[in-house]
Amino acid sequence: MVLATKLVLVVRDDLPAALAVNAAAVVGLSLGGRLPDPPAAEGKDASGGVHAGLNPHPVPVLTASGDRLRELHDRARAREDLITVGFNEVARHARDYDDYLTALAATPGEDVEYVAVAVFGPRNRVTALTKRLPLHD
């Protein structure tokens, strides 16, 4: 089954593995809450156990430099047909969400450094923005 939509998670290429996994989880969870359709239906195993429905999209985790992440974020946000979530250094260093919001309000947009970006939308639009980015290894 080929889906008409696509999602990707892109993490900064210089992050240690633990921070990259955390960043991917943060943008993935944040994106999931914004998707227009619910996950796929719940499934049952052969013993009758019920398993929660999962996102039907493949979820590639790609990497990019900090500059490329900013470019991706800005280009994706400019498109009304894409849902874009950015995780930044301001959020990563905040002790709680209120601290994040306060620090973000004091940070000029050009000083926000992205740690990860998630993009969802029409397959061709997402592919055009991310096709040259390598998979995280």
Protein backbone atom coordinates (compact mmCIF):
# COMPACT_ATOMS: atom_id res chain seq x y z
CA MET A 1 0.00 0.00 0.00
CA VAL A 2 1.48 3.34 -1.07
CA LEU A 3 0.41 6.16 1.21
CA ALA A 4 -0.31 9.62 -0.22
CA THR A 5 1.39 11.20 2.76
CA LYS A 6 4.84 10.85 4.24
CA LEU A 7 6.55 11.71 7.48
CA VAL A 8 10.21 12.07 8.32
CA LEU A 9 12.17 12.85 11.45
CA VAL A 10 15.47 14.66 10.99
CA VAL A 11 18.00 14.99 13.80
CA ARG A 12 21.13 17.11 13.92
CA ASP A 13 24.08 15.10 12.69
CA ASP A 14 26.44 15.95 15.55
CA LEU A 15 24.24 14.72 18.39
CA PRO A 16 25.42 11.81 20.53
CA ALA A 17 23.20 8.74 20.08
CA ALA A 18 21.22 9.22 23.32
CA LEU A 19 20.39 12.84 22.45
CA ALA A 20 19.49 11.91 18.87
CA VAL A 21 17.07 9.23 20.08
CA ASN A 22 15.55 11.67 22.56
CA ALA A 23 15.19 14.41 19.92
CA ALA A 24 13.53 11.99 17.47
CA ALA A 25 11.12 10.87 20.19
CA VAL A 26 10.22 14.46 21.12
CA VAL A 27 9.42 15.56 17.55
CA GLY A 28 7.72 12.24 16.77
CA LEU A 29 5.39 12.52 19.76
CA SER A 30 4.70 16.18 19.04
CA LEU A 31 3.98 15.47 15.38
CA GLY A 32 1.74 12.52 16.23
CA GLY A 33 -0.52 14.77 18.26
CA ARG A 34 -1.01 17.00 15.21
CA LEU A 35 -1.73 14.38 12.56
CA PRO A 36 -5.18 14.61 11.01
CA ASP A 37 -5.93 10.88 11.07
CA PRO A 38 -5.76 8.52 14.04
CA PRO A 39 -3.33 5.60 13.98
CA ALA A 40 -4.34 2.38 12.28
CA ALA A 41 -6.90 0.12 13.93
CA GLU A 42 -5.96 -1.98 16.93
CA GLY A 43 -4.84 -5.51 16.15
CA LYS A 44 -5.30 -8.83 17.87
CA ASP A 45 -2.74 -11.57 18.18
CA ALA A 46 -3.54 -15.27 17.85
CA SER A 47 -4.16 -15.49 21.62
CA GLY A 48 -6.73 -12.69 21.54
CA GLY A 49 -4.43 -10.06 23.03
CA VAL A 50 -5.17 -6.54 21.80
CA HIS A 51 -2.33 -4.37 20.52
CA ALA A 52 -2.66 -0.61 20.11
CA GLY A 53 -2.94 0.71 16.57
CA LEU A 54 0.34 1.96 15.16
CA ASN A 55 1.19 4.73 12.77
CA PRO A 56 0.99 3.10 9.30
CA HIS A 57 3.77 5.28 7.84
CA PRO A 58 7.39 4.20 7.68
CA VAL A 59 9.32 6.58 9.95
CA PRO A 60 12.77 7.29 8.55
CA VAL A 61 15.13 9.08 10.92
CA LEU A 62 17.49 11.20 8.84
CA THR A 63 20.36 13.51 9.75
CA ALA A 64 21.34 17.02 8.75
CA SER A 65 23.66 19.77 9.88
CA GLY A 66 22.31 22.49 12.14
CA ASP A 67 22.18 24.93 9.22
CA ARG A 68 20.33 22.42 7.06
CA LEU A 69 17.85 21.73 9.88
CA ARG A 70 17.05 25.45 10.09
CA GLU A 71 16.58 25.58 6.32
CA LEU A 72 14.34 22.50 6.39
CA HIS A 73 12.28 23.89 9.24
CA ASP A 74 11.83 27.27 7.57
CA ARG A 75 10.99 25.84 4.14
CA ALA A 76 8.56 23.29 5.55
CA ARG A 77 6.81 25.85 7.79
CA ALA A 78 6.31 28.11 4.79
CA ARG A 79 4.10 25.45 3.16
CA GLU A 80 0.50 25.30 4.30
CA ASP A 81 0.18 21.66 3.22
CA LEU A 82 2.88 20.45 5.64
CA ILE A 83 2.83 19.91 9.39
CA THR A 84 6.20 20.82 10.86
CA VAL A 85 7.52 20.40 14.40
CA GLY A 86 10.90 21.70 15.51
CA PHE A 87 12.77 20.77 18.70
CA ASN A 88 15.41 23.32 19.61
CA GLU A 89 18.25 23.93 22.02
CA VAL A 90 16.10 26.31 24.08
CA ALA A 91 13.68 23.45 24.79
CA ARG A 92 16.45 20.90 25.26
CA HIS A 93 18.05 22.98 28.02
CA ALA A 94 14.84 23.99 29.80
CA ARG A 95 14.05 22.29 33.10
CA ASP A 96 10.30 22.26 32.41
CA TYR A 97 7.83 23.51 29.82
CA ASP A 98 7.19 26.85 31.54
CA ASP A 99 10.95 27.52 31.58
CA TYR A 100 11.05 26.67 27.89
CA LEU A 101 8.25 29.08 27.01
CA THR A 102 9.87 31.87 29.06
CA ALA A 103 13.31 31.31 27.51
CA LEU A 104 11.87 30.98 24.00
CA ALA A 105 10.01 34.28 24.38
CA ALA A 106 13.38 35.93 25.11
CA THR A 107 15.19 34.27 22.18
CA PRO A 108 15.14 35.95 18.76
CA GLY A 109 14.00 33.57 16.00
CA GLU A 110 17.35 33.76 14.22
CA ASP A 111 19.05 32.48 17.40
CA VAL A 112 16.88 29.36 17.74
CA GLU A 113 19.09 26.34 16.98
CA TYR A 114 17.22 23.21 15.92
CA VAL A 115 18.04 19.79 17.32
CA ALA A 116 15.40 17.92 15.32
CA VAL A 117 12.59 18.59 12.86
CA ALA A 118 9.60 16.42 11.94
CA VAL A 119 7.69 16.96 8.70
CA PHE A 120 4.41 15.40 7.55
CA GLY A 121 2.40 16.01 4.42
CA PRO A 122 1.98 15.07 0.79
CA ARG A 123 4.58 12.47 -0.15
CA ASN A 124 6.05 14.46 -3.04
CA ARG A 125 6.42 17.64 -0.95
CA VAL A 126 8.16 15.89 1.96
CA THR A 127 10.42 13.94 -0.40
CA ALA A 128 11.43 17.10 -2.24
CA LEU A 129 12.59 18.66 1.04
CA THR A 130 14.41 15.62 2.45
CA LYS A 131 15.51 13.34 -0.41
CA ARG A 132 19.21 14.17 -0.15
CA LEU A 133 19.47 13.66 3.61
CA PRO A 134 21.15 10.46 4.85
CA LEU A 135 19.59 7.95 7.21
CA HIS A 136 20.77 8.17 10.80
CA ASP A 137 23.18 5.33 11.53
